Protein backbone atom coordinates (compact mmCIF):
# COMPACT_ATOMS: atom_id res chain seq x y z
CA MET A 1 0.25 -0.39 -0.05
CA ILE A 2 1.33 3.00 -1.07
CA PRO A 3 1.59 6.22 2.54
CA LYS A 4 -0.66 8.98 3.02
CA LEU A 5 1.44 10.84 4.53
CA ALA A 6 2.40 13.31 1.65
CA HIS A 7 -1.68 14.19 1.76
CA ARG A 8 -0.43 15.87 5.22
CA SER A 9 2.14 18.40 3.34
CA ARG A 10 -0.89 19.28 0.30
CA LEU A 11 -3.08 20.75 2.57
CA VAL A 12 0.12 22.80 4.36
CA ALA A 13 1.93 23.09 0.98
CA THR A 14 -1.90 24.59 0.19
CA ALA A 15 -2.24 26.92 2.87
CA LEU A 16 1.26 28.52 2.20
CA LEU A 17 0.45 29.20 -1.11
CA VAL A 18 -2.83 30.82 0.45
CA THR A 19 -0.54 32.75 2.89
CA THR A 20 2.05 33.99 0.41
CA ALA A 21 -0.79 34.82 -2.07
CA LEU A 22 -2.04 37.50 0.60
CA GLY A 23 1.01 38.96 0.89
CA LEU A 24 2.09 37.50 4.36
CA THR A 25 5.85 36.36 3.55
CA ALA A 26 8.29 34.78 5.97
CA CYS A 27 11.57 36.68 6.84
CA THR A 28 14.85 34.47 5.80
CA GLY A 29 18.02 36.22 7.53
CA GLY A 30 18.07 39.50 7.50
CA ASP A 31 16.00 40.42 4.67
CA LEU A 32 12.61 41.98 6.06
CA ALA A 33 10.04 40.18 3.20
CA ALA A 34 10.78 37.31 1.13
CA PRO A 35 9.40 37.61 -2.25
CA ALA A 36 6.40 36.56 -3.33
CA GLY A 37 6.51 33.38 -4.68
CA ASP A 38 9.09 32.16 -1.79
CA VAL A 39 8.01 30.22 1.52
CA ASN A 40 10.25 30.14 4.68
CA THR A 41 8.57 28.27 7.74
CA VAL A 42 12.09 26.73 8.33
CA ASP A 43 14.25 27.20 11.30
CA GLU A 44 17.49 29.23 10.66
CA ALA A 45 20.39 26.70 9.73
CA LEU A 46 18.59 24.56 7.76
CA ALA A 47 17.28 27.64 5.26
CA SER A 48 21.35 29.33 5.31
CA GLY A 49 22.53 25.40 5.16
CA ILE A 50 19.98 25.32 1.61
CA ASP A 51 21.30 28.98 0.26
CA GLY A 52 25.07 28.34 1.02
CA ALA A 53 23.91 25.03 -0.41
CA ILE A 54 22.37 26.65 -3.45
CA GLU A 55 24.86 29.37 -3.69
CA ASN A 56 27.70 27.08 -4.41
CA ALA A 57 26.15 24.66 -6.90
CA MET A 58 25.70 27.93 -9.27
CA THR A 59 29.43 29.15 -8.46
CA LEU A 60 30.46 25.75 -9.76
CA SER A 61 27.99 25.31 -12.51
CA GLY A 62 28.18 29.04 -14.00
CA SER A 63 24.59 29.29 -13.22
CA THR A 64 23.13 33.33 -12.71
CA GLN A 65 19.61 31.94 -11.52
CA ALA A 66 18.36 29.00 -8.93
CA VAL A 67 14.99 28.26 -7.79
CA VAL A 68 14.75 25.45 -5.07
CA GLY A 69 11.56 24.00 -2.96
CA VAL A 70 12.09 22.10 0.52
CA TRP A 71 8.89 20.35 1.93
CA SER A 72 9.29 18.74 5.32
CA GLY A 73 5.38 18.11 6.75
CA GLU A 74 4.75 22.26 8.39
CA GLN A 75 8.02 22.79 7.15
CA ALA A 76 8.30 24.36 3.90
CA TYR A 77 11.42 26.34 1.92
CA VAL A 78 10.62 27.26 -0.94
CA HIS A 79 13.22 30.11 -2.74
CA GLY A 80 14.49 32.40 -6.17
CA TYR A 81 18.35 33.36 -6.44
CA GLY A 82 19.15 35.91 -8.80
CA ASP A 83 16.53 38.65 -9.40
CA VAL A 84 13.68 35.46 -9.60
CA ASP A 85 11.01 34.23 -6.79
CA GLY A 86 9.95 30.49 -5.45
CA SER A 87 6.96 30.96 -7.77
CA VAL A 88 9.76 31.43 -11.45
CA ARG A 89 8.60 28.57 -14.21
CA ILE A 90 11.19 26.26 -15.33
CA ARG A 91 11.76 23.45 -18.19
CA GLY A 92 11.30 20.75 -15.81
CA ALA A 93 13.54 17.85 -18.19
CA GLN A 94 13.57 14.45 -17.58
CA ALA A 95 12.78 15.50 -14.08
CA THR A 96 9.18 15.87 -15.07
CA GLN A 97 9.27 13.00 -17.45
CA PRO A 98 7.65 11.05 -14.68
CA VAL A 99 4.18 12.63 -16.04
CA MET A 100 3.85 10.67 -19.04
CA CYS A 101 4.02 7.34 -17.26
CA ALA A 102 1.25 9.03 -14.66
CA LEU A 103 -0.95 9.29 -17.88
CA LEU A 104 -0.75 6.26 -19.15
CA LEU A 105 -1.78 4.82 -15.14
CA ASP A 106 -4.63 7.51 -15.71
CA LEU A 107 -5.42 5.62 -18.93
CA VAL A 108 -4.66 2.90 -17.86
CA GLU A 109 -7.69 3.12 -14.75
CA GLU A 110 -10.07 4.34 -17.51
CA GLY A 111 -9.65 1.14 -19.06
CA ARG A 112 -8.42 2.53 -22.36
CA VAL A 113 -5.38 1.06 -22.47
CA ASP A 114 -3.68 -2.31 -20.77
CA LEU A 115 -0.09 -2.13 -19.95
CA ASP A 116 1.22 -5.17 -20.96
CA ARG A 117 -0.29 -4.72 -24.67
CA GLU A 118 2.12 -4.19 -27.19
CA ILE A 119 1.89 -1.16 -28.92
CA SER A 120 3.04 -1.74 -32.60
CA LYS A 121 -0.75 -3.00 -32.41
CA ASP A 122 -2.05 0.95 -31.89
CA LEU A 123 1.65 2.27 -34.19
CA THR A 124 0.39 0.14 -36.75
CA ARG A 125 3.22 1.91 -39.21
CA GLN A 126 6.27 1.65 -36.89
CA SER A 127 8.67 -0.89 -37.64
CA GLY A 128 11.51 -1.85 -35.31
CA ILE A 129 8.89 -1.95 -31.88
CA GLU A 130 7.44 -5.59 -32.12
CA GLY A 131 7.19 -7.27 -28.84
CA ILE A 132 7.62 -3.55 -26.96
CA THR A 133 4.65 -3.31 -24.48
CA TYR A 134 3.68 0.04 -22.42
CA ARG A 135 4.90 -1.44 -19.65
CA GLN A 136 8.19 -1.56 -20.53
CA LEU A 137 8.16 1.83 -21.81
CA CYS A 138 8.63 3.42 -18.51
CA ASP A 139 10.35 0.27 -17.30
CA MET A 140 13.25 0.96 -19.10
CA ARG A 141 12.89 -2.48 -20.49
CA SER A 142 11.83 -2.64 -24.07
CA GLY A 143 15.35 -2.62 -25.55
CA LEU A 144 15.72 1.08 -26.97
CA ALA A 145 18.44 2.58 -26.79
CA ASP A 146 18.73 6.29 -25.84
CA PHE A 147 18.34 8.69 -29.07
CA LYS A 148 20.22 11.91 -27.74
CA GLN A 149 23.45 9.86 -27.94
CA GLY A 150 25.48 12.02 -29.90
CA PHE A 151 23.51 14.79 -29.92
CA GLY A 152 24.54 16.99 -26.98
CA THR A 153 26.94 19.00 -28.96
CA LEU A 154 23.76 19.73 -31.73
CA PHE A 155 21.15 20.45 -28.76
CA ALA A 156 23.77 23.19 -26.84
CA ASN A 157 25.20 25.16 -30.43
CA ASN A 158 21.85 25.06 -31.98
CA PRO A 159 19.02 25.88 -28.91
CA THR A 160 16.29 26.66 -31.25
CA ARG A 161 15.81 24.15 -34.11
CA PHE A 162 12.92 22.24 -34.01
CA TRP A 163 13.44 18.50 -33.31
CA PRO A 164 10.89 16.16 -35.42
CA GLU A 165 9.33 13.39 -33.16
CA GLN A 166 10.35 10.89 -36.06
CA GLU A 167 13.71 12.00 -36.39
CA LEU A 168 14.33 11.67 -32.24
CA LEU A 169 13.07 7.76 -32.85
CA ALA A 170 14.70 6.78 -35.52
CA GLN A 171 18.11 7.88 -34.46
CA GLY A 172 17.24 5.32 -30.97
CA LEU A 173 15.81 2.87 -33.49
CA ALA A 174 19.11 3.03 -34.74
CA HIS A 175 21.03 1.69 -32.49
CA SER A 176 17.94 -0.78 -31.00
CA PRO A 177 17.46 -3.42 -29.84
CA LEU A 178 19.89 -3.11 -27.20
CA SER A 179 20.66 -6.25 -24.33
CA TRP A 180 17.79 -8.73 -23.75
CA PRO A 181 15.12 -6.84 -24.41
CA GLY A 182 12.32 -7.37 -21.47
CA LEU A 183 14.63 -8.35 -19.26
CA ASP A 184 17.26 -5.38 -18.87
CA MET A 185 17.45 -2.10 -17.89
CA HIS A 186 18.41 0.13 -19.68
CA GLU A 187 17.14 4.24 -18.90
CA SER A 188 16.30 5.90 -22.06
CA ASP A 189 14.78 9.05 -23.18
CA THR A 190 13.63 7.26 -26.20
CA ASN A 191 10.58 5.32 -24.15
CA ALA A 192 9.00 8.55 -23.18
CA VAL A 193 8.59 10.25 -26.90
CA LEU A 194 7.64 6.68 -27.94
CA LEU A 195 5.00 6.51 -25.45
CA ALA A 196 3.54 10.29 -25.58
CA ARG A 197 3.41 9.22 -29.45
CA VAL A 198 1.16 6.46 -29.22
CA LEU A 199 -0.77 7.83 -26.99
CA LYS A 200 -2.44 10.23 -28.79
CA VAL A 201 -2.39 7.79 -31.79
CA LYS A 202 -4.32 5.69 -29.50
CA THR A 203 -6.74 8.23 -27.54
CA GLY A 204 -6.75 11.18 -30.89
CA GLN A 205 -5.94 13.49 -28.60
CA ASP A 206 -3.15 15.78 -29.00
CA VAL A 207 -0.10 15.22 -25.64
CA SER A 208 -0.58 18.53 -24.40
CA GLU A 209 -4.55 18.03 -23.59
CA LEU A 210 -4.06 14.84 -22.08
CA LEU A 211 -1.50 16.25 -19.46
CA SER A 212 -3.33 18.62 -19.07
CA GLU A 213 -6.54 16.79 -18.54
CA HIS A 214 -5.94 13.65 -16.78
CA VAL A 215 -2.21 14.79 -14.78
CA PHE A 216 -1.94 18.54 -14.37
CA ALA A 217 -5.21 19.25 -13.34
CA LYS A 218 -5.51 15.82 -10.82
CA ALA A 219 -1.87 16.63 -9.36
CA GLY A 220 -2.78 20.19 -8.40
CA MET A 221 -0.21 21.84 -11.15
CA PRO A 222 -1.59 24.67 -12.23
CA SER A 223 1.32 26.26 -13.39
CA SER A 224 2.53 23.49 -15.72
CA SER A 225 2.32 22.79 -19.65
CA PHE A 226 2.93 20.73 -22.54
CA PRO A 227 4.24 23.81 -24.56
CA GLU A 228 3.98 23.43 -28.59
CA LEU A 229 6.91 21.51 -29.72
CA SER A 230 7.51 24.86 -32.43
CA SER A 231 7.24 27.08 -29.84
CA THR A 232 10.58 28.01 -28.50
CA THR A 233 9.63 30.38 -25.21
CA VAL A 234 8.10 30.22 -21.57
CA ALA A 235 5.88 32.59 -20.35
CA GLU A 236 7.18 34.85 -17.59
CA PRO A 237 8.07 34.69 -14.94
CA THR A 238 10.86 32.08 -16.04
CA LEU A 239 14.67 31.05 -15.87
CA ALA A 240 16.99 32.95 -17.99
CA GLY A 241 18.74 29.89 -19.29
CA THR A 242 21.70 29.68 -20.56
CA ASN A 243 24.70 27.36 -21.38
CA TYR A 244 28.56 27.47 -22.79
CA PRO A 245 28.79 26.20 -25.75
CA LEU A 246 30.45 22.60 -26.72
CA SER A 247 32.66 21.45 -28.97
CA GLY A 248 33.61 17.48 -29.09
CA GLY A 249 30.91 17.19 -26.07
CA ALA A 250 33.01 19.45 -23.63
CA ALA A 251 32.33 23.39 -22.59
CA VAL A 252 34.44 25.58 -24.34
CA CYS A 253 35.22 27.79 -21.47
CA ASP A 254 36.47 30.82 -23.40
CA ALA A 255 33.62 31.88 -24.94
CA GLY A 256 31.84 31.92 -21.48
CA PRO A 257 28.48 31.61 -20.99
CA VAL A 258 25.66 32.71 -23.04
CA ASP A 259 22.25 33.60 -22.90
CA VAL A 260 19.56 30.99 -25.01
CA PRO A 261 16.90 32.79 -24.47
CA GLU A 262 14.83 30.68 -26.66
CA VAL A 263 14.78 26.95 -26.43
CA SER A 264 13.40 24.01 -28.80
CA PRO A 265 11.24 21.67 -25.97
CA SER A 266 11.00 19.52 -28.84
CA MET A 267 14.19 18.34 -28.31
CA LEU A 268 13.32 15.82 -25.67
CA SER A 269 9.75 16.44 -26.41
CA GLY A 270 7.31 13.90 -24.31
CA ALA A 271 10.55 13.06 -22.40
CA GLY A 272 10.74 16.24 -21.31
CA ALA A 273 9.15 19.10 -22.79
CA THR A 274 6.72 19.78 -19.64
CA VAL A 275 7.38 23.44 -18.28
CA THR A 276 6.23 23.42 -14.65
CA THR A 277 7.81 25.58 -10.95
CA VAL A 278 9.14 23.51 -7.66
CA THR A 279 5.70 23.86 -6.43
CA ASP A 280 3.72 22.17 -8.85
CA LEU A 281 6.80 19.41 -9.52
CA LYS A 282 6.46 18.62 -5.61
CA ASN A 283 2.72 18.10 -6.01
CA PHE A 284 3.19 15.34 -9.56
CA TYR A 285 5.28 13.58 -7.24
CA GLU A 286 3.81 13.35 -3.85
CA HIS A 287 -0.06 12.67 -6.57
CA TYR A 288 2.09 9.59 -7.98
CA PHE A 289 3.44 8.55 -4.88
CA ASP A 290 0.37 8.46 -3.25
CA GLY A 291 -1.31 6.33 -5.84
CA ASP A 292 -3.04 8.73 -7.44
CA PHE A 293 -2.65 7.58 -10.84
CA GLY A 294 -3.31 3.91 -11.85
CA GLY A 295 -6.49 2.91 -9.64
CA ASP A 296 -5.57 -0.97 -8.62
CA ALA A 297 -2.01 -0.77 -10.85
CA ALA A 298 -0.54 2.28 -8.33
CA SER A 299 1.80 0.08 -6.73
CA ILE A 300 3.77 -0.57 -9.37
CA VAL A 301 5.08 3.17 -8.95
CA THR A 302 7.34 1.74 -5.30
CA ASP A 303 7.84 -1.34 -7.41
CA ALA A 304 12.13 -0.85 -6.92
CA PHE A 305 14.31 -3.36 -8.96
CA PRO A 306 18.35 -2.90 -9.05
CA ALA A 307 19.50 -0.44 -12.02
CA GLN A 308 22.47 -2.80 -12.65
CA ASN A 309 21.47 -5.27 -14.85
CA PRO A 310 22.33 -8.87 -14.21
CA LYS A 311 24.98 -11.40 -16.60
CA ARG A 312 22.51 -13.55 -17.81
CA ASP A 313 23.11 -17.16 -19.58
CA GLU A 314 22.08 -18.34 -23.06
CA GLU A 315 18.00 -18.45 -21.78
CA GLY A 316 18.04 -15.19 -20.61
CA THR A 317 18.26 -16.48 -16.85
CA PRO A 318 20.37 -14.48 -14.57
CA THR A 319 23.26 -16.46 -13.32
CA GLU A 320 23.87 -13.87 -10.62
CA GLU A 321 22.48 -12.58 -7.17
CA PRO A 322 21.42 -8.99 -8.27
CA ALA A 323 23.87 -6.35 -6.00
CA GLU A 324 22.41 -4.89 -2.52
CA GLY A 325 21.72 -1.73 -2.52
CA GLY A 326 22.73 1.06 -4.67
CA ARG A 327 20.55 2.76 -7.49
CA GLN A 328 17.31 1.18 -8.46
CA TRP A 329 14.42 1.99 -10.90
CA THR A 330 10.29 1.43 -10.79
CA PHE A 331 7.90 2.91 -12.82
CA GLY A 332 9.17 6.16 -14.43
CA THR A 333 11.69 6.75 -11.58
CA GLU A 334 15.29 5.98 -10.20
CA LYS A 335 15.19 4.95 -6.47
CA MET A 336 17.84 5.90 -3.97
CA GLY A 337 17.88 5.48 0.05
CA PRO A 338 14.26 6.84 0.67
CA LEU A 339 14.31 8.70 -2.20
CA TYR A 340 12.18 8.69 -5.43
CA GLY A 341 12.51 10.67 -8.77
CA ARG A 342 14.67 12.04 -11.66
CA SER A 343 17.05 14.96 -12.71
CA GLY A 344 17.60 16.07 -16.33
CA ALA A 345 18.80 18.54 -18.08
CA ILE A 346 17.84 20.53 -21.64
CA THR A 347 19.26 23.01 -22.84
CA GLY A 348 19.35 26.63 -20.72
CA THR A 349 17.93 24.25 -17.44
CA LEU A 350 18.78 21.85 -14.37
CA THR A 351 16.36 20.13 -13.03
CA ALA A 352 16.29 17.18 -9.65
CA ALA A 353 13.08 16.34 -8.03
CA TYR A 354 12.74 13.26 -5.57
CA HIS A 355 10.33 12.72 -2.55
CA ASP A 356 9.98 10.20 -0.15
CA PRO A 357 6.31 8.55 0.11
CA GLU A 358 7.31 7.17 3.82
CA SER A 359 7.75 10.47 5.67
CA GLY A 360 6.38 13.16 2.66
CA TYR A 361 10.04 14.97 2.58
CA SER A 362 10.46 16.40 -1.20
CA VAL A 363 13.10 18.26 -2.22
CA VAL A 364 12.88 20.49 -6.16
CA VAL A 365 15.53 22.18 -7.49
CA ALA A 366 16.52 23.83 -10.74
CA LEU A 367 19.49 26.33 -12.45
CA ASN A 368 19.71 28.24 -15.49
CA ASN A 369 23.62 26.83 -16.99
CA SER A 370 22.98 23.34 -18.57
CA ALA A 371 26.71 23.09 -18.96
CA ALA A 372 27.36 21.02 -15.84
CA GLY A 373 24.57 18.05 -17.10
CA ALA A 374 21.92 15.72 -14.79
CA SER A 375 24.39 14.25 -12.52
CA PHE A 376 24.93 18.14 -11.34
CA VAL A 377 22.15 19.14 -10.36
CA ARG A 378 21.10 14.99 -8.68
CA ALA A 379 23.82 15.98 -6.72
CA LEU A 380 22.76 18.63 -5.49
CA ALA A 381 19.43 18.20 -5.01
CA PHE A 382 20.42 14.69 -2.40
CA GLN A 383 23.21 17.38 -0.57
CA LEU A 384 19.80 19.09 0.25
CA ALA A 385 18.25 16.15 1.50
CA SER A 386 21.37 15.27 3.47
CA ILE A 387 21.64 18.97 4.49
CA SER A 388 17.73 18.68 5.87
CA SER A 389 18.62 14.75 7.37
CA GLU A 390 21.20 16.42 9.49
CA THR A 391 18.19 18.92 10.70
CA GLY A 392 15.59 15.79 11.12
CA ALA A 393 13.83 17.36 8.59
CA ALA A 394 14.20 14.24 6.03
CA PRO A 395 14.90 10.77 6.44
CA GLU A 396 18.10 9.21 7.56
CA LEU A 397 20.12 8.73 3.69
CA PRO A 398 23.07 6.30 2.51
CA TRP A 399 25.30 9.34 2.21
CA THR A 400 26.50 12.32 3.08
CA ALA A 401 26.29 16.29 2.61
CA ASP A 402 30.31 15.67 1.87
CA GLU A 403 30.11 13.54 -0.49
CA GLN A 404 27.83 14.70 -2.55
CA VAL A 405 29.77 18.01 -2.11
CA ALA A 406 32.96 16.55 -3.99
CA ALA A 407 30.76 14.98 -6.32
CA LEU A 408 29.54 18.68 -7.33
CA GLN A 409 32.66 20.00 -7.68
CA GLU A 410 34.01 17.37 -9.68
CA GLY A 411 31.00 18.60 -11.90
CA ALA A 412 31.93 21.58 -11.88
CA VAL A 413 31.93 23.87 -14.92
CA CYS A 414 35.25 25.55 -15.96
CA GLN A 415 36.44 26.53 -12.89
């Protein structure tokens, strides 16, 4: 059974937002009043620790703006850095990818889709997808390779280029299948792009309409949307994206960070085009792990298995026991320690979102320079969780804040 402790967090968050709207904002450090989109009901030590971690990560990544949200029971800290507040819109990248799996589960609950139906029965004109089921697109066992191989420099240096969905799928399919489809797990954004396409064909509705109706409205995400893939701008207020130009996959430091005010969401499409806020994203993860999508199938979202594939014999039977601990995968998210979530990158923005369904703890953070990559913002989220744990605001974790600081320093760009 999926825990329901997060319901109280949602009620508290709603009350806090109402209070904010009335102008009763909290104080942070020496500030007389926090910006209208900011919330602070945590103790000074936690707020100071979060601020220090964000400022360090901004320096290491070359970011000029950031936004963070940390929630634990009745405590909440939502704050923007660099002339933005906590209400700023962000390109969520792969941190928002699980909304596609929530959409799938909602359609399963309505009886419109079967998890174990082969998608080739609904996407009849697409070759190379034989034997792949809807379920495998979220548990990453489809055998599909990631379309982003070799595209990183193109995405960074040509941020407004429109990428047809079929071009992304063709790139992934050209390197597929990977080992043991149906058994081995291979994290690949091609899965979510293909899921978006097949659900659009299956239902006859646009992905933006499907997500608005089945996910955003249901999860309390009023500031979230799936944009037109031909659009390159996001409605204000939004993080002002920056990036270092890339050459051969490496940052061109001499060029310095360049502004990327326009970015084509088509570079990720169904794998991470969603525009959201830190509070909306927190609300989504709470609802997702509360079991609000999928009915009887909802428990699938916490069924974790090792992300490292075992060695197999000729019949596919594992020849070794899976390693204990470490990274695991579920239905659309990774699991590290007690935290479920995703981190991601799209040109100009890095985002990470993680949630513990047992305690209700959530952390969401975004930076406005994408050069350091998804692993960098993931380490930042884990550092924030460690700082929260040290003050009793988060569960016990299998890593330390110092370990994550070291990871951030290792992933620093142009330092």
